[in-house]
Protein backbone atom coordinates (compact mmCIF):
# COMPACT_ATOMS: atom_id res chain seq x y z
CA MET A 1 93.43 106.84 136.13
CA TYR A 2 92.68 109.87 133.32
CA VAL A 3 95.93 111.64 132.91
CA PRO A 4 95.33 114.67 130.40
CA VAL A 5 98.12 115.38 127.64
CA ARG A 6 99.87 117.51 128.63
CA GLY A 7 100.08 115.92 132.15
CA LYS A 8 101.33 112.81 130.12
CA LEU A 9 104.20 115.39 128.50
CA ALA A 10 104.92 116.61 131.64
CA LEU A 11 105.75 113.33 133.20
CA ALA A 12 107.72 112.24 130.16
CA MET A 13 109.87 115.85 130.02
CA ALA A 14 110.33 114.90 134.27
CA PHE A 15 111.69 111.32 133.34
CA ALA A 16 113.87 112.60 130.88
CA ILE A 17 115.47 115.00 132.68
CA SER A 18 115.81 113.10 135.97
CA TRP A 19 117.79 110.62 133.09
CA VAL A 20 119.91 113.26 131.79
CA ALA A 21 120.88 114.57 135.15
CA PHE A 22 122.20 111.21 136.83
CA SER A 23 124.15 110.71 133.61
CA LEU A 24 125.36 113.80 133.94
CA TYR A 25 126.23 113.29 137.47
CA VAL A 26 128.15 109.83 136.42
CA ALA A 27 129.56 111.62 133.12
CA LEU A 28 131.32 114.20 135.09
CA PRO A 29 135.01 112.96 135.65
CA TRP A 30 134.50 111.95 131.64
CA ILE A 31 134.12 115.42 131.02
CA ASN A 32 136.53 116.27 133.34
CA ASP A 33 139.34 114.41 131.62
CA LEU A 34 138.25 114.64 127.93
CA ALA A 35 138.40 118.69 129.02
CA GLU A 36 142.55 117.86 130.20
CA LEU A 37 142.84 116.49 126.19
CA PHE A 38 141.02 119.27 124.70
CA SER A 39 139.33 121.84 126.71
CA LEU A 40 136.22 122.19 128.69
CA PRO A 41 133.75 123.58 125.55
CA VAL A 42 134.98 120.44 123.39
CA ALA A 43 134.30 118.23 126.42
CA TRP A 44 130.70 119.10 126.90
CA PHE A 45 130.79 119.49 123.03
CA ILE A 46 131.41 115.81 122.88
CA VAL A 47 129.90 114.22 125.73
CA ALA A 48 126.28 116.07 125.09
CA GLY A 49 126.04 114.88 121.67
CA ILE A 50 127.55 111.38 122.23
CA ALA A 51 125.30 110.80 125.59
CA LEU A 52 123.79 113.57 127.36
CA ILE A 53 120.98 114.66 123.96
CA PRO A 54 120.66 111.53 122.68
CA GLY A 55 119.80 109.89 126.35
CA TRP A 56 117.35 112.24 126.70
CA ALA A 57 115.63 111.60 123.70
CA ASN A 58 115.53 107.95 124.41
CA ALA A 59 113.87 108.82 127.78
CA PHE A 60 111.61 110.32 126.53
CA LEU A 61 110.44 107.99 123.76
CA VAL A 62 110.70 105.24 126.65
CA ALA A 63 108.31 107.48 128.82
CA GLY A 64 105.73 108.17 125.65
CA LEU A 65 105.77 104.44 125.28
CA LEU A 66 104.81 103.52 128.80
CA ILE A 67 101.86 106.33 129.09
CA ASP A 68 100.62 106.45 125.38
CA HIS A 69 96.80 104.99 125.66
CA ARG A 70 95.40 106.29 122.39
CA PRO A 71 91.35 105.82 121.60
CA ARG A 72 90.63 103.34 119.11
CA TYR A 73 88.54 104.48 116.12
CA PHE A 74 86.29 101.61 114.27
CA ILE A 75 85.09 101.99 110.37
CA HIS A 76 81.96 104.29 109.78
CA GLU A 77 79.03 102.03 108.48
CA LYS A 78 79.37 105.08 105.68
CA LEU A 79 82.37 107.12 105.05
CA PRO A 80 82.43 110.80 102.87
CA PRO A 81 83.72 110.68 99.74
CA VAL A 82 87.30 111.24 99.25
CA THR A 83 90.02 111.72 96.11
CA LEU A 84 93.08 110.12 95.99
CA LEU A 85 96.11 111.25 94.63
CA ILE A 86 98.87 109.17 92.67
CA ALA A 87 102.32 110.99 91.35
CA ALA A 88 103.68 108.92 88.95
CA TYR A 89 106.89 109.40 87.29
CA ASN A 90 108.69 106.36 85.47
CA GLU A 91 106.82 103.76 87.59
CA GLU A 92 105.59 101.52 85.04
CA GLY A 93 106.92 98.16 87.14
CA CYS A 94 104.97 98.88 90.05
CA ILE A 95 101.72 101.72 89.17
CA GLY A 96 99.25 98.95 87.98
CA ASP A 97 99.72 96.87 91.28
CA THR A 98 99.19 100.14 93.19
CA LEU A 99 95.82 100.87 91.16
CA ARG A 100 94.67 97.07 91.75
CA SER A 101 95.51 97.22 96.20
CA VAL A 102 93.19 100.54 95.74
CA ALA A 103 90.24 99.38 93.66
CA ASP A 104 90.11 96.47 95.92
CA GLN A 105 89.96 98.47 99.32
CA ASP A 106 86.36 98.21 100.79
CA TYR A 107 85.40 101.88 101.72
CA PRO A 108 81.62 102.88 102.66
CA GLY A 109 81.89 106.08 100.61
CA ASP A 110 82.87 107.23 97.38
CA VAL A 111 86.03 107.49 95.67
CA GLU A 112 87.98 109.46 93.09
CA VAL A 113 91.14 108.44 92.44
CA LEU A 114 93.27 110.64 90.13
CA VAL A 115 96.56 109.17 88.43
CA ILE A 116 99.24 112.05 87.62
CA ASP A 117 101.60 110.92 84.90
CA ASP A 118 104.27 114.09 85.30
CA GLY A 119 105.68 113.77 82.00
CA SER A 120 107.51 109.78 82.70
CA THR A 121 109.72 108.85 79.63
CA ASP A 122 108.72 105.14 80.15
CA ARG A 123 105.29 103.30 79.52
CA THR A 124 103.54 104.53 83.11
CA ARG A 125 100.83 106.74 80.92
CA GLU A 126 100.14 103.41 78.81
CA VAL A 127 100.26 100.76 82.30
CA VAL A 128 97.77 103.42 83.86
CA ALA A 129 95.41 103.39 81.32
CA GLU A 130 95.39 99.56 80.36
CA THR A 131 94.89 98.57 84.06
CA ILE A 132 91.92 101.30 84.72
CA GLY A 133 90.64 99.61 81.53
CA THR A 134 90.84 96.55 83.69
CA LEU A 135 89.24 97.81 86.63
CA GLY A 136 86.11 99.72 85.16
CA ALA A 137 84.38 102.32 87.56
CA GLY A 138 82.83 99.59 88.69
CA LYS A 139 81.49 99.53 92.89
CA ASN A 140 82.54 103.59 94.18
CA PHE A 141 85.77 103.68 92.33
CA SER A 142 86.34 106.39 89.62
CA PHE A 143 89.83 106.23 88.56
CA ARG A 144 91.27 109.14 85.64
CA LEU A 145 94.61 110.07 84.27
CA ILE A 146 95.98 113.07 84.37
CA PRO A 147 98.81 113.63 82.05
CA VAL A 148 101.34 116.51 82.95
CA PHE A 149 103.90 117.87 80.26
CA PRO A 150 106.82 118.70 80.50
CA ASN A 151 108.21 116.88 84.00
CA GLY A 152 107.41 119.16 86.68
CA GLY A 153 108.29 117.39 90.03
CA LYS A 154 106.02 115.85 92.59
CA ALA A 155 104.90 118.79 94.33
CA ASN A 156 103.50 120.77 90.53
CA ALA A 157 101.53 116.92 89.87
CA LEU A 158 99.90 117.20 93.21
CA ASN A 159 98.94 120.68 93.20
CA VAL A 160 97.96 120.03 89.66
CA ALA A 161 95.31 117.31 90.86
CA LEU A 162 94.41 119.04 93.92
CA ALA A 163 92.85 121.92 92.00
CA GLN A 164 90.80 118.93 89.63
CA ALA A 165 90.00 117.18 92.79
CA SER A 166 85.76 116.82 93.64
CA HIS A 167 85.74 116.54 97.56
CA ASP A 168 86.82 117.90 100.37
CA LEU A 169 89.08 115.02 101.96
CA ILE A 170 92.33 114.56 99.77
CA ALA A 171 94.63 111.97 100.40
CA SER A 172 97.80 110.72 98.71
CA VAL A 173 99.33 107.67 97.58
CA ASP A 174 102.86 106.48 96.33
CA ALA A 175 102.62 105.21 92.90
CA ASP A 176 105.15 101.94 94.34
CA THR A 177 102.77 101.77 97.24
CA HIS A 178 100.45 98.97 98.41
CA LEU A 179 97.36 99.21 100.60
CA PHE A 180 96.48 97.09 103.05
CA LYS A 181 92.71 95.77 103.65
CA ASP A 182 90.51 98.70 105.03
CA ALA A 183 93.81 101.15 104.91
CA LEU A 184 91.73 103.79 103.43
CA ALA A 185 88.48 103.45 105.40
CA ARG A 186 90.72 103.32 108.57
CA ILE A 187 92.92 106.30 107.78
CA VAL A 188 89.79 108.05 106.88
CA THR A 189 87.52 107.23 109.84
CA ASN A 190 90.93 108.60 111.89
CA ILE A 191 90.67 112.20 110.43
CA ILE A 192 86.63 112.37 110.89
CA ASP A 193 86.99 111.01 114.62
CA GLY A 194 89.95 112.78 115.97
CA PRO A 195 89.95 116.79 117.09
CA ALA A 196 88.30 119.10 114.87
CA HIS A 197 91.00 121.03 114.05
CA THR A 198 92.88 118.20 112.92
CA ALA A 199 94.84 118.90 108.88
CA ALA A 200 96.32 116.03 108.09
CA VAL A 201 96.80 112.08 109.66
CA ALA A 202 99.84 109.80 108.97
CA GLY A 203 98.97 106.56 107.62
CA THR A 204 101.58 103.83 109.05
CA VAL A 205 104.14 102.55 106.21
CA LEU A 206 105.91 99.48 106.19
CA ALA A 207 108.75 97.90 103.96
CA ARG A 208 107.14 95.86 101.06
CA ASN A 209 110.42 94.20 99.35
CA SER A 210 111.84 93.45 103.05
CA ARG A 211 113.12 90.35 101.79
CA ASN A 212 115.63 90.56 99.43
CA ASN A 213 118.98 91.87 100.75
CA MET A 214 120.16 93.01 104.28
CA ILE A 215 119.98 96.95 102.65
CA THR A 216 116.11 95.93 102.67
CA LYS A 217 116.04 93.96 106.23
CA LEU A 218 117.72 96.89 107.71
CA GLN A 219 114.63 99.40 106.74
CA GLU A 220 112.05 96.82 107.37
CA TRP A 221 112.99 97.25 111.19
CA ASP A 222 113.36 101.07 110.75
CA TYR A 223 110.24 101.36 109.56
CA PHE A 224 108.52 98.66 111.68
CA LEU A 225 110.56 100.29 115.05
CA GLY A 226 112.13 103.76 114.39
CA ILE A 227 109.26 105.59 112.06
CA SER A 228 106.28 104.33 113.14
CA VAL A 229 106.68 104.55 117.12
CA VAL A 230 108.94 108.36 116.83
CA LYS A 231 105.29 109.20 114.84
CA ARG A 232 102.98 107.97 117.61
CA ILE A 233 104.67 109.32 120.07
CA GLN A 234 104.91 112.43 117.85
CA SER A 235 100.70 112.43 117.67
CA LEU A 236 100.32 111.49 121.49
CA TYR A 237 101.52 115.24 121.82
CA GLN A 238 99.15 115.98 118.77
CA GLY A 239 101.93 117.12 116.53
CA THR A 240 103.37 114.13 113.85
CA LEU A 241 105.88 116.30 112.06
CA VAL A 242 105.52 114.60 108.87
CA SER A 243 102.01 113.76 107.02
CA GLN A 244 104.30 111.71 104.73
CA GLY A 245 103.03 111.67 100.81
CA ALA A 246 104.06 107.83 100.55
CA PHE A 247 100.15 107.63 102.38
CA SER A 248 98.37 110.17 104.08
CA VAL A 249 95.05 111.96 104.01
CA TYR A 250 94.14 115.78 104.48
CA ARG A 251 91.90 118.19 105.10
CA ARG A 252 91.12 120.57 101.46
CA GLU A 253 90.32 123.58 103.24
CA ALA A 254 93.71 123.14 105.45
CA LEU A 255 95.79 122.37 102.26
CA GLU A 256 94.49 125.13 100.57
CA LYS A 257 95.58 127.59 103.57
CA ALA A 258 98.58 126.47 103.46
CA GLY A 259 99.49 126.44 99.51
CA GLY A 260 99.59 123.32 98.62
CA TRP A 261 102.61 121.66 98.53
CA ALA A 262 105.77 123.83 97.97
CA ASP A 263 108.28 123.15 95.37
CA THR A 264 110.87 121.68 97.74
CA VAL A 265 113.10 118.26 98.16
CA GLY A 266 110.76 117.14 100.97
CA GLU A 267 107.35 118.98 100.29
CA ASP A 268 105.62 116.81 102.20
CA ILE A 269 107.08 117.81 105.95
CA VAL A 270 107.34 121.71 104.59
CA LEU A 271 103.43 120.84 104.06
CA THR A 272 103.11 119.61 107.75
CA TRP A 273 105.11 122.39 109.49
CA ALA A 274 102.75 125.08 107.47
CA PHE A 275 99.84 122.82 109.31
CA HIS A 276 101.51 123.34 112.48
CA GLU A 277 102.23 127.15 111.54
CA LEU A 278 98.46 127.87 111.23
CA GLY A 279 97.69 125.90 114.29
CA TYR A 280 96.58 122.97 113.08
CA ARG A 281 96.89 119.24 114.50
CA VAL A 282 98.55 116.88 112.72
CA GLY A 283 97.75 112.60 113.54
CA TYR A 284 98.76 109.50 112.90
CA ALA A 285 96.97 106.46 112.08
CA GLU A 286 98.76 103.13 113.33
CA ASN A 287 96.14 101.15 111.87
CA ALA A 288 96.04 102.17 108.24
CA PHE A 289 98.13 100.43 106.39
CA VAL A 290 100.66 100.33 103.52
CA PHE A 291 103.38 98.19 102.06
CA THR A 292 106.05 100.70 99.71
CA ASN A 293 108.85 99.68 98.06
CA VAL A 294 112.00 100.72 100.04
CA PRO A 295 115.45 101.05 98.18
CA GLU A 296 117.05 98.08 97.26
CA THR A 297 121.24 99.16 96.68
CA TYR A 298 123.15 101.22 99.02
CA GLY A 299 123.34 104.51 96.53
CA GLN A 300 119.31 104.42 96.47
CA PHE A 301 119.23 104.02 100.00
CA PHE A 302 121.49 107.15 100.46
CA ARG A 303 120.08 109.41 97.82
CA GLN A 304 117.01 108.77 99.78
CA ARG A 305 118.23 109.66 103.47
CA LYS A 306 119.84 112.43 101.67
CA ARG A 307 116.52 114.13 100.89
CA TRP A 308 114.93 113.23 103.80
CA ALA A 309 117.74 115.37 105.19
CA ARG A 310 117.27 118.16 102.85
CA GLY A 311 113.48 118.50 103.17
CA LEU A 312 114.04 118.89 107.05
CA MET A 313 116.05 121.83 106.89
CA GLU A 314 113.79 123.12 103.75
CA ALA A 315 111.03 123.24 106.75
CA PHE A 316 113.11 124.96 108.89
CA ARG A 317 114.11 127.72 105.78
CA PHE A 318 110.08 127.57 105.15
CA HIS A 319 109.01 127.88 109.16
CA PRO A 320 110.97 129.33 111.51
CA ARG A 321 108.23 131.31 113.50
CA ILE A 322 107.90 127.41 114.58
CA PHE A 323 110.71 127.62 117.27
CA THR A 324 108.73 130.65 118.57
CA ARG A 325 105.17 129.36 118.92
CA PRO A 326 105.12 126.81 121.84
CA ARG A 327 103.28 123.72 121.83
CA MET A 328 103.54 120.41 123.00
CA ILE A 329 105.71 119.00 120.37
CA THR A 330 108.22 121.77 120.48
CA PRO A 331 110.14 119.59 122.21
CA PHE A 332 110.50 117.38 119.18
CA ILE A 333 111.15 120.85 116.77
CA TYR A 334 114.36 121.57 119.04
CA LEU A 335 115.43 117.80 118.72
CA ASN A 336 115.16 117.49 115.32
CA ALA A 337 117.06 121.18 114.66
CA LEU A 338 120.02 119.38 116.50
CA PHE A 339 120.01 116.59 114.06
CA PRO A 340 123.11 118.03 112.10
CA TYR A 341 124.94 118.63 115.50
CA LEU A 342 124.08 114.77 116.45
CA ASP A 343 125.15 113.11 112.82
CA LEU A 344 128.07 114.89 112.79
CA VAL A 345 129.33 114.64 115.98
CA PHE A 346 128.65 111.02 115.94
CA LEU A 347 130.56 110.12 112.63
CA CYS A 348 133.00 112.04 113.27
CA VAL A 349 133.80 112.06 116.97
CA PHE A 350 132.04 108.55 117.82
CA LEU A 351 132.93 106.34 115.49
CA PRO A 352 136.63 107.39 115.87
CA GLY A 353 136.47 107.01 119.39
CA VAL A 354 134.80 103.41 118.65
CA PHE A 355 137.87 102.44 116.96
CA ALA A 356 140.39 103.96 119.36
CA ALA A 357 138.74 101.63 122.05
CA VAL A 358 138.60 98.97 120.09
CA PHE A 359 142.12 98.38 117.85
CA PHE A 360 144.67 100.57 120.28
CA GLN A 361 142.51 100.48 123.95
CA TYR A 362 142.29 104.33 124.07
CA TYR A 363 139.19 105.20 126.08
CA ALA A 364 139.28 108.90 126.26
CA ILE A 365 136.31 109.76 123.78
CA VAL A 366 134.00 106.42 124.46
CA GLY A 367 134.92 104.29 126.86
CA VAL A 368 132.96 102.96 130.32
CA MET A 369 130.70 106.39 130.59
CA THR A 370 129.02 105.33 127.02
CA LEU A 371 127.91 102.41 128.49
CA LEU A 372 124.54 104.27 129.80
CA LEU A 373 123.10 104.17 126.80
CA LEU A 374 123.40 100.73 126.06
CA PRO A 375 120.30 99.27 129.12
CA LEU A 376 118.10 102.73 127.57
CA MET A 377 118.81 101.65 124.31
CA LEU A 378 118.19 98.09 124.29
CA LEU A 379 114.62 98.88 126.99
CA ILE A 380 113.70 100.97 123.91
CA ASN A 381 113.92 98.43 121.55
CA VAL A 382 112.31 96.09 123.52
CA LEU A 383 109.51 98.38 124.20
CA MET A 384 108.83 99.21 120.53
CA PHE A 385 109.25 95.96 119.56
CA PHE A 386 106.24 94.43 121.79
CA ASN A 387 104.37 97.70 120.87
CA GLN A 388 104.11 96.99 117.42
CA ARG A 389 103.50 93.42 117.43
CA ARG A 390 100.53 94.36 119.59
CA ILE A 391 99.08 96.51 116.90
CA PHE A 392 100.10 93.86 114.33
CA ARG A 393 98.41 91.22 115.88
CA ARG A 394 95.56 93.36 116.52
CA TYR A 395 94.93 93.76 112.87
CA GLY A 396 96.00 90.57 111.38
CA LEU A 397 99.77 90.72 110.37
CA LYS A 398 102.54 89.43 111.41
CA VAL A 399 105.99 90.03 112.32
CA ARG A 400 108.81 88.50 109.93
CA LYS A 401 111.24 86.40 111.86
CA ASN A 402 114.57 89.11 110.87
CA PHE A 403 116.65 88.85 114.26
CA LEU A 404 119.80 89.45 112.30
CA GLY A 405 118.38 92.82 110.16
CA LEU A 406 117.15 93.30 113.66
CA ILE A 407 120.30 93.50 115.55
CA LEU A 408 122.19 95.15 112.58
CA TYR A 409 119.86 97.45 112.68
CA MET A 410 120.50 98.48 116.41
CA LEU A 411 124.07 98.51 115.80
CA THR A 412 125.12 99.69 112.45
CA TYR A 413 121.78 101.64 111.32
CA GLN A 414 123.37 105.01 112.18
CA VAL A 415 126.31 104.06 110.63
CA ILE A 416 125.27 103.99 107.36
CA MET A 417 122.22 106.22 107.82
CA SER A 418 124.34 109.27 109.20
CA PRO A 419 126.95 110.33 106.25
CA ALA A 420 123.89 110.79 104.01
CA SER A 421 121.92 112.86 106.16
CA ILE A 422 125.03 115.16 106.90
CA LEU A 423 125.35 115.45 102.85
CA GLY A 424 121.87 116.38 102.81
CA TYR A 425 122.05 118.98 104.97
CA PHE A 426 124.65 120.70 103.56
CA SER A 427 123.35 120.25 100.06
CA GLU A 428 120.10 122.34 101.87
CA PHE A 429 122.90 124.78 103.07
CA PHE A 430 124.71 125.28 99.52
CA HIS A 431 121.01 125.08 97.74
CA PHE A 432 122.31 122.63 95.70
CA LYS A 433 120.12 121.59 92.92
CA LYS A 434 117.24 119.51 93.49
CA SER A 435 115.66 115.93 91.89
CA TRP A 436 112.28 114.79 91.88
CA GLY A 437 111.43 112.10 94.38
CA THR A 438 108.77 109.83 95.44
CA LYS A 439 110.15 109.22 99.18
């Protein structure tokens, strides 16, 4: 039976609200106990941040996964021409492989590849020139190097290339990202076959170097389960919130109306929210895969996630009217606005509560009531896993056996990510200096 998208949203909201109502009923004794220790407002502050809001978010995702049956788009025999932008800053070690993966794409149309060297101080320009020389201009691909001096940041590099692009469809890919077979054709098919008011479509970004160490193994599951599934559910309600620079395609008209990429830490999320503010739809191509190199040390991971959190705050600062224009993705907008509060409660209340419960048998903050989250957390991870595995199998990919990484991802990922996120929120609040970044 066909259910309209708005009907699916109503069902998901009803399920999530019912879950919260049940959790609240069970949690009332916990709230009263905390109120005696602290005060009633503090008790609500703690319980809402630890259990009620995360429970609503997880229930909303579960419902979305259960009712999401999206159309399948098949590659056309002929596709419109596309310009692919690759911004690079000190990427001599990986840019050659990225270009070769682009050249290996079987795209049934013309592809203009513009590589923007943003004032690199290593051999990036030389490697690009050498690689282009070996690739030539065969098939329907053309390659051009655009040097930019001095280094002006990723947004500036992309805007410079946009001004020189020849086509109405503009794609972007990071300089350390490998395109899987047919990725470009699939993402372009998604935008041309999608609703007419689609401004952009985000591809599926996965971890390429996931076997290197435990940090990369954890991120493999984050990209595979967390990021991909959230984008999928957001696109169900016609509003993916981040059309990431690592791999996305845009309509040039929408890009120009949005003013191109803003000179911000999170230029991709700020641009995506500009599309939403202009009334466009942003989609997600679950079958357009690329593999990117994720951070291999905790320091690199920390800086990346701090930058992502700061980018989120920039999006709210640049586009505050997104709060006042109701649309189907509004629940996600308000949930994102609560991220600083949720991360702060997790780090400053929940983790100390776990420590007190484990080592001192003090269960006032974290006790039996918090166990209500466990079955929902397990259910959502099981649903996400089998959903993503089905998609992988359909397109010839296999899920790596990384069970230890999965267990650690479920138990510890928020622990290592929250400090970086909180610092990112405060960095934007106090307007700390930004740094150039590709992720």
